[in-house]
């Protein structure tokens, strides 16, 4: 399987072995007119963490994989969507409006802020459970053929709502996503120019075809990538991860936030990206599930689990997702076929 490396607005911080190190950590797969890539590197070190905290204005989770990424790109147009830790944390509430409370939450939060390099003098309220509303970073792609020569960075067009799209959990950016040379363009007459504005997600009523995904079709590419994890100072857990599986005719990417604040609340926030390789349609489903912690424990006990079994089950995001009710869901799609 070919390897290449991803470049985004927040490309990996320099390392001793540079681009070669990033390339070795990146897996890519091409299916139809789409390219799928994942990048997995170790936990970020002190210098990039300090830089990220200065930029975001909040302490980052204890385990932050700042160079990891999962991405899907439509090769002919350059349209792409990627998932990164940095952009996910940019979508965490920093107003204090969504802060959750435990017995000593304020003391813990203040301590974290005072000991984080680069923001010692800035004490800001923020959602210390890291319950991001992130739905992915969207690159709208080229304005139309022909694409720039390989030696020239692509000049993607994009739109931004003034807050990086982060009010609704989406970032839109123009940075090149893959450093894979695009295929030669067809003759101009054969490919109409498509405005990037037409490549934005729009509301739809058609959901992801779950029955097709349940079929036992061969899996051509699979990977799972951790973006960040926090134990909330032993008050629970907050994990953001993404996994992708590719079949011959379709693929599914799941980016999941699983947050359990002991004694308070359990949350599951899922972003699913479904791609039909034949129709070149992309569907994005965003689902929010939430329930009080004690109610989740009660439901687990009702399944016949022992108290020890409940403790174990509370760490299982897949099991919890089946128990917790949906409180919000949005469906969007974009057609990339020309």
Protein backbone atom coordinates (compact mmCIF):
# COMPACT_ATOMS: atom_id res chain seq x y z
CA UNK A 1 0.00 0.00 0.00
CA UNK A 2 1.42 3.33 -1.02
CA UNK A 3 2.49 5.82 1.61
CA UNK A 4 2.47 9.58 1.40
CA UNK A 5 2.09 12.33 3.89
CA UNK A 6 -0.68 14.75 4.73
CA UNK A 7 -0.23 18.50 4.84
CA UNK A 8 -2.85 20.62 6.51
CA UNK A 9 -3.11 24.05 8.03
CA UNK A 10 -1.64 22.57 11.19
CA UNK A 11 1.03 20.31 9.72
CA UNK A 12 3.16 18.23 12.04
CA UNK A 13 5.67 20.08 14.18
CA UNK A 14 9.26 19.58 12.94
CA UNK A 15 11.05 16.50 14.20
CA UNK A 16 14.63 15.36 13.99
CA UNK A 17 13.87 13.11 11.03
CA UNK A 18 11.33 15.51 9.49
CA UNK A 19 9.10 14.63 6.54
CA UNK A 20 10.42 11.10 6.25
CA UNK A 21 9.23 10.36 9.79
CA UNK A 22 5.76 11.71 8.99
CA UNK A 23 5.62 9.72 5.76
CA UNK A 24 6.43 6.47 7.55
CA UNK A 25 3.58 7.12 9.99
CA UNK A 26 1.04 7.71 7.20
CA UNK A 27 -1.06 5.10 5.41
CA UNK A 28 -2.98 5.90 2.24
CA UNK A 29 -5.50 4.05 0.12
CA UNK A 30 -7.20 5.00 -3.15
CA UNK A 31 -10.68 3.76 -3.97
CA UNK A 32 -12.46 5.05 -7.05
CA UNK A 33 -11.82 8.79 -7.24
CA UNK A 34 -11.26 9.13 -3.49
CA UNK A 35 -8.10 8.95 -1.40
CA UNK A 36 -8.17 7.94 2.27
CA UNK A 37 -5.26 8.58 4.62
CA UNK A 38 -4.45 8.06 8.28
CA UNK A 39 -1.46 9.26 10.27
CA UNK A 40 -0.43 7.89 13.68
CA UNK A 41 2.44 9.31 15.71
CA UNK A 42 3.31 9.26 19.45
CA UNK A 43 1.94 11.64 22.06
CA UNK A 44 2.97 15.24 21.40
CA UNK A 45 6.04 16.53 23.23
CA UNK A 46 6.35 19.63 25.40
CA UNK A 47 7.24 22.17 22.71
CA UNK A 48 4.30 21.51 20.35
CA UNK A 49 1.96 21.22 23.35
CA UNK A 50 3.05 24.65 24.59
CA UNK A 51 2.51 26.11 21.13
CA UNK A 52 -0.95 24.57 20.86
CA UNK A 53 -1.98 25.84 24.31
CA UNK A 54 -0.83 29.36 23.45
CA UNK A 55 -2.85 29.26 20.25
CA UNK A 56 -6.00 27.74 21.77
CA UNK A 57 -5.83 29.61 25.08
CA UNK A 58 -6.68 26.53 27.15
CA UNK A 59 -4.76 23.59 28.63
CA UNK A 60 -4.86 20.56 26.36
CA UNK A 61 -5.72 17.01 27.50
CA UNK A 62 -2.99 14.99 29.23
CA UNK A 63 -2.69 12.68 26.21
CA UNK A 64 -2.69 14.77 23.04
CA UNK A 65 -1.77 13.30 19.66
CA UNK A 66 -1.33 16.59 17.87
CA UNK A 67 0.14 15.16 14.68
CA UNK A 68 -2.43 12.40 14.13
CA UNK A 69 -5.05 12.75 11.42
CA UNK A 70 -7.68 10.92 9.41
CA UNK A 71 -8.66 12.33 6.04
CA UNK A 72 -10.75 11.65 2.94
CA UNK A 73 -10.08 13.50 -0.31
CA UNK A 74 -11.91 13.63 -3.65
CA UNK A 75 -8.98 13.64 -6.07
CA UNK A 76 -10.56 15.39 -9.11
CA UNK A 77 -11.77 18.45 -7.17
CA UNK A 78 -9.45 18.53 -4.16
CA UNK A 79 -12.49 18.54 -1.82
CA UNK A 80 -11.58 16.86 1.46
CA UNK A 81 -12.55 16.39 5.08
CA UNK A 82 -10.06 15.64 7.85
CA UNK A 83 -10.12 15.10 11.60
CA UNK A 84 -7.35 16.42 13.85
CA UNK A 85 -6.91 16.99 17.59
CA UNK A 86 -6.06 20.67 17.23
CA UNK A 87 -9.21 21.54 15.29
CA UNK A 88 -11.31 19.42 17.64
CA UNK A 89 -10.02 21.35 20.65
CA UNK A 90 -10.70 24.61 18.85
CA UNK A 91 -14.38 23.60 18.95
CA UNK A 92 -14.36 23.15 22.75
CA UNK A 93 -16.37 25.84 24.60
CA UNK A 94 -14.13 28.55 26.03
CA UNK A 95 -16.81 30.81 27.49
CA UNK A 96 -17.51 28.73 30.58
CA UNK A 97 -21.11 28.32 29.46
CA UNK A 98 -20.80 24.54 29.07
CA UNK A 99 -18.60 23.86 32.09
CA UNK A 100 -19.54 20.84 34.17
CA UNK A 101 -19.15 20.79 37.95
CA UNK A 102 -17.85 18.20 40.34
CA UNK A 103 -17.04 18.77 43.98
CA UNK A 104 -13.68 20.39 43.28
CA UNK A 105 -13.93 21.28 39.58
CA UNK A 106 -13.07 24.96 39.98
CA UNK A 107 -9.94 24.23 42.02
CA UNK A 108 -8.77 21.60 39.54
CA UNK A 109 -9.44 23.84 36.54
CA UNK A 110 -7.55 26.76 38.07
CA UNK A 111 -4.64 24.48 38.90
CA UNK A 112 -4.46 23.19 35.33
CA UNK A 113 -4.42 26.72 33.94
CA UNK A 114 -1.79 27.97 36.36
CA UNK A 115 0.60 25.13 35.54
CA UNK A 116 0.19 25.18 31.75
CA UNK A 117 3.12 26.83 30.02
CA UNK A 118 2.35 29.92 27.99
CA UNK A 119 -0.93 30.81 29.70
CA UNK A 120 0.08 31.14 33.33
CA UNK A 121 -1.25 34.67 33.52
CA UNK A 122 -4.48 34.02 31.64
CA UNK A 123 -7.19 32.32 33.69
CA UNK A 124 -10.14 31.56 31.42
CA UNK A 125 -13.17 29.37 32.00
CA UNK A 126 -13.47 26.51 29.54
CA UNK A 127 -15.18 23.15 29.16
CA UNK A 128 -12.61 21.04 30.97
CA UNK A 129 -14.43 17.86 29.94
CA UNK A 130 -13.26 18.59 26.35
CA UNK A 131 -16.75 17.88 24.99
CA UNK A 132 -16.02 19.13 21.50
CA UNK A 133 -18.75 19.78 18.92
CA UNK A 134 -16.24 19.11 16.12
CA UNK A 135 -17.61 17.63 12.90
CA UNK A 136 -14.44 17.71 10.82
CA UNK A 137 -12.36 20.21 8.91
CA UNK A 138 -13.66 20.69 5.36
CA UNK A 139 -11.46 21.72 2.42
CA UNK A 140 -13.60 22.92 -0.49
CA UNK A 141 -10.96 22.24 -3.13
CA UNK A 142 -10.00 23.85 -6.40
CA UNK A 143 -12.28 26.29 -8.25
CA UNK A 144 -12.05 24.15 -11.38
CA UNK A 145 -9.68 22.62 -13.93
CA UNK A 146 -6.89 22.68 -14.74
CA UNK A 147 -5.20 22.08 -11.37
CA UNK A 148 -1.92 23.87 -10.64
CA UNK A 149 1.37 22.29 -11.64
CA UNK A 150 2.75 19.87 -9.01
CA UNK A 151 5.46 22.36 -8.02
CA UNK A 152 2.87 25.03 -7.17
CA UNK A 153 0.74 24.71 -3.98
CA UNK A 154 -2.97 24.31 -4.89
CA UNK A 155 -4.95 27.51 -4.47
CA UNK A 156 -8.13 26.16 -2.92
CA UNK A 157 -11.12 28.39 -2.41
CA UNK A 158 -12.94 28.35 0.91
CA UNK A 159 -15.45 30.09 3.07
CA UNK A 160 -15.19 30.89 6.75
CA UNK A 161 -17.90 32.14 9.08
CA UNK A 162 -15.48 34.35 10.98
CA UNK A 163 -14.97 31.87 13.81
CA UNK A 164 -13.34 29.15 11.74
CA UNK A 165 -16.69 27.41 11.45
CA UNK A 166 -16.26 26.33 15.05
CA UNK A 167 -19.61 27.51 16.34
CA UNK A 168 -21.17 24.40 14.83
CA UNK A 169 -18.09 22.26 15.17
CA UNK A 170 -16.88 22.51 11.58
CA UNK A 171 -13.77 24.21 10.26
CA UNK A 172 -13.43 25.13 6.60
CA UNK A 173 -9.96 25.69 5.25
CA UNK A 174 -8.08 25.81 1.99
CA UNK A 175 -4.81 24.08 2.87
CA UNK A 176 -3.69 21.20 0.62
CA UNK A 177 -4.53 17.95 2.35
CA UNK A 178 -2.51 15.33 0.48
CA UNK A 179 0.88 15.66 -1.11
CA UNK A 180 -0.08 13.05 -3.68
CA UNK A 181 0.28 14.48 -7.21
CA UNK A 182 -3.24 14.75 -8.69
CA UNK A 183 -4.04 12.70 -11.78
CA UNK A 184 -3.69 14.52 -15.13
CA UNK A 185 -6.83 16.59 -15.79
CA UNK A 186 -9.13 15.65 -18.69
CA UNK A 187 -9.48 18.10 -21.60
CA UNK A 188 -11.16 21.33 -20.37
CA UNK A 189 -14.22 20.76 -22.55
CA UNK A 190 -14.87 17.44 -20.86
CA UNK A 191 -14.87 18.81 -17.31
CA UNK A 192 -17.16 21.72 -16.42
CA UNK A 193 -15.87 24.19 -13.88
CA UNK A 194 -17.54 23.62 -10.51
CA UNK A 195 -17.60 26.45 -7.99
CA UNK A 196 -16.26 25.35 -4.60
CA UNK A 197 -19.37 26.86 -2.98
CA UNK A 198 -21.33 24.01 -4.58
CA UNK A 199 -19.20 21.55 -2.62
CA UNK A 200 -20.43 22.55 0.81
CA UNK A 201 -22.52 20.23 2.94
CA UNK A 202 -26.25 20.94 2.77
CA UNK A 203 -29.12 19.48 4.82
CA UNK A 204 -30.57 16.22 3.55
CA UNK A 205 -33.26 13.76 4.59
CA UNK A 206 -31.43 10.72 3.30
CA UNK A 207 -29.54 8.92 6.02
CA UNK A 208 -26.56 6.61 5.92
CA UNK A 209 -27.55 3.20 4.44
CA UNK A 210 -26.83 1.09 7.51
CA UNK A 211 -28.05 -2.13 5.88
CA UNK A 212 -25.41 -1.84 3.15
CA UNK A 213 -22.72 -1.33 5.77
CA UNK A 214 -23.87 -4.44 7.64
CA UNK A 215 -23.06 -6.60 4.63
CA UNK A 216 -19.94 -8.71 5.00
CA UNK A 217 -18.13 -7.13 2.09
CA UNK A 218 -14.33 -7.43 2.13
CA UNK A 219 -12.60 -4.62 4.04
CA UNK A 220 -9.93 -3.14 1.80
CA UNK A 221 -8.57 -0.60 4.30
CA UNK A 222 -9.06 -0.11 8.04
CA UNK A 223 -7.44 2.02 10.68
CA UNK A 224 -8.17 3.61 14.06
CA UNK A 225 -6.51 6.81 15.24
CA UNK A 226 -6.45 8.36 18.72
CA UNK A 227 -6.68 12.17 18.78
CA UNK A 228 -6.79 12.95 22.51
CA UNK A 229 -7.60 11.46 25.90
CA UNK A 230 -8.06 12.91 29.38
CA UNK A 231 -8.87 11.19 32.66
CA UNK A 232 -10.38 14.46 33.92
CA UNK A 233 -8.13 14.32 36.96
CA UNK A 234 -9.57 10.92 37.97
CA UNK A 235 -13.14 12.20 37.62
CA UNK A 236 -13.88 10.10 34.54
CA UNK A 237 -12.64 10.06 30.96
CA UNK A 238 -12.85 12.04 27.73
CA UNK A 239 -11.63 10.39 24.53
CA UNK A 240 -11.73 11.56 20.92
CA UNK A 241 -10.80 8.99 18.30
CA UNK A 242 -11.52 8.24 14.66
CA UNK A 243 -11.69 5.03 12.70
CA UNK A 244 -12.27 4.30 9.06
CA UNK A 245 -13.14 1.24 7.03
CA UNK A 246 -13.22 1.06 3.25
CA UNK A 247 -15.10 -1.41 1.05
CA UNK A 248 -15.16 -1.68 -2.72
CA UNK A 249 -18.24 0.52 -3.25
CA UNK A 250 -18.50 2.52 -0.03
CA UNK A 251 -16.70 3.62 3.12
CA UNK A 252 -17.52 4.82 6.62
CA UNK A 253 -15.50 7.09 8.89
CA UNK A 254 -16.53 7.47 12.54
CA UNK A 255 -15.11 10.22 14.75
CA UNK A 256 -16.38 9.68 18.30
CA UNK A 257 -16.18 11.70 21.48
CA UNK A 258 -16.85 9.56 24.55
CA UNK A 259 -17.03 11.54 27.79
CA UNK A 260 -17.92 10.17 31.20
CA UNK A 261 -17.89 12.52 34.16
CA UNK A 262 -18.42 10.33 37.22
CA UNK A 263 -21.49 11.24 39.22
CA UNK A 264 -22.59 13.83 36.63
CA UNK A 265 -23.17 12.87 32.99
CA UNK A 266 -22.21 10.55 30.11
CA UNK A 267 -21.93 11.87 26.55
CA UNK A 268 -21.37 10.32 23.15
CA UNK A 269 -20.95 12.62 20.14
CA UNK A 270 -20.53 10.83 16.82
CA UNK A 271 -19.65 12.23 13.41
CA UNK A 272 -20.08 9.67 10.64
CA UNK A 273 -18.82 10.28 7.11
CA UNK A 274 -20.26 7.93 4.51
CA UNK A 275 -18.92 7.91 0.95
CA UNK A 276 -20.53 6.19 -2.02
CA UNK A 277 -17.69 5.66 -4.50
CA UNK A 278 -20.03 5.15 -7.45
CA UNK A 279 -22.27 8.20 -7.02
CA UNK A 280 -19.46 10.26 -5.41
CA UNK A 281 -21.87 11.47 -2.74
CA UNK A 282 -20.71 12.15 0.82
CA UNK A 283 -23.17 12.03 3.73
CA UNK A 284 -22.31 13.45 7.14
CA UNK A 285 -24.34 12.41 10.18
CA UNK A 286 -23.78 14.14 13.52
CA UNK A 287 -25.40 12.55 16.57
CA UNK A 288 -25.41 13.72 20.19
CA UNK A 289 -26.29 11.27 22.97
CA UNK A 290 -26.40 12.19 26.64
CA UNK A 291 -27.74 10.86 29.93
CA UNK A 292 -27.19 11.45 33.65
CA UNK A 293 -24.46 9.24 35.09
CA UNK A 294 -26.68 7.56 37.69
CA UNK A 295 -29.29 6.78 35.04
CA UNK A 296 -26.65 5.10 32.90
CA UNK A 297 -25.56 3.00 35.90
CA UNK A 298 -29.19 2.04 36.56
CA UNK A 299 -29.65 0.90 32.95
CA UNK A 300 -26.48 -1.18 33.12
CA UNK A 301 -27.63 -2.85 36.37
CA UNK A 302 -30.96 -3.66 34.71
CA UNK A 303 -29.09 -5.69 32.08
CA UNK A 304 -28.03 -8.07 34.85
CA UNK A 305 -24.49 -6.83 35.36
CA UNK A 306 -22.85 -7.00 38.77
CA UNK A 307 -21.51 -3.76 40.29
CA UNK A 308 -18.01 -4.74 39.10
CA UNK A 309 -19.44 -5.44 35.66
CA UNK A 310 -21.04 -1.99 35.62
CA UNK A 311 -17.67 -0.39 36.41
CA UNK A 312 -16.13 -2.18 33.45
CA UNK A 313 -19.06 -1.36 31.14
CA UNK A 314 -18.77 2.35 31.97
CA UNK A 315 -15.44 2.31 30.11
CA UNK A 316 -16.96 0.72 26.99
CA UNK A 317 -18.00 3.50 24.58
CA UNK A 318 -19.74 1.10 22.19
CA UNK A 319 -21.90 -0.38 24.94
CA UNK A 320 -22.74 3.01 26.41
CA UNK A 321 -23.68 4.39 22.98
CA UNK A 322 -26.38 1.71 22.72
CA UNK A 323 -27.92 2.72 26.07
CA UNK A 324 -27.82 6.51 25.95
CA UNK A 325 -30.68 8.28 24.12
CA UNK A 326 -30.14 10.59 21.16
CA UNK A 327 -30.89 14.24 21.93
CA UNK A 328 -29.71 15.77 18.65
CA UNK A 329 -29.06 14.58 15.10
CA UNK A 330 -28.26 16.36 11.83
CA UNK A 331 -27.85 14.96 8.33
CA UNK A 332 -25.97 16.69 5.53
CA UNK A 333 -24.66 15.65 2.12
CA UNK A 334 -22.56 16.91 -0.76
CA UNK A 335 -22.35 15.61 -4.32
CA UNK A 336 -18.87 15.75 -5.88
CA UNK A 337 -19.64 14.11 -9.21
CA UNK A 338 -19.06 16.36 -12.24
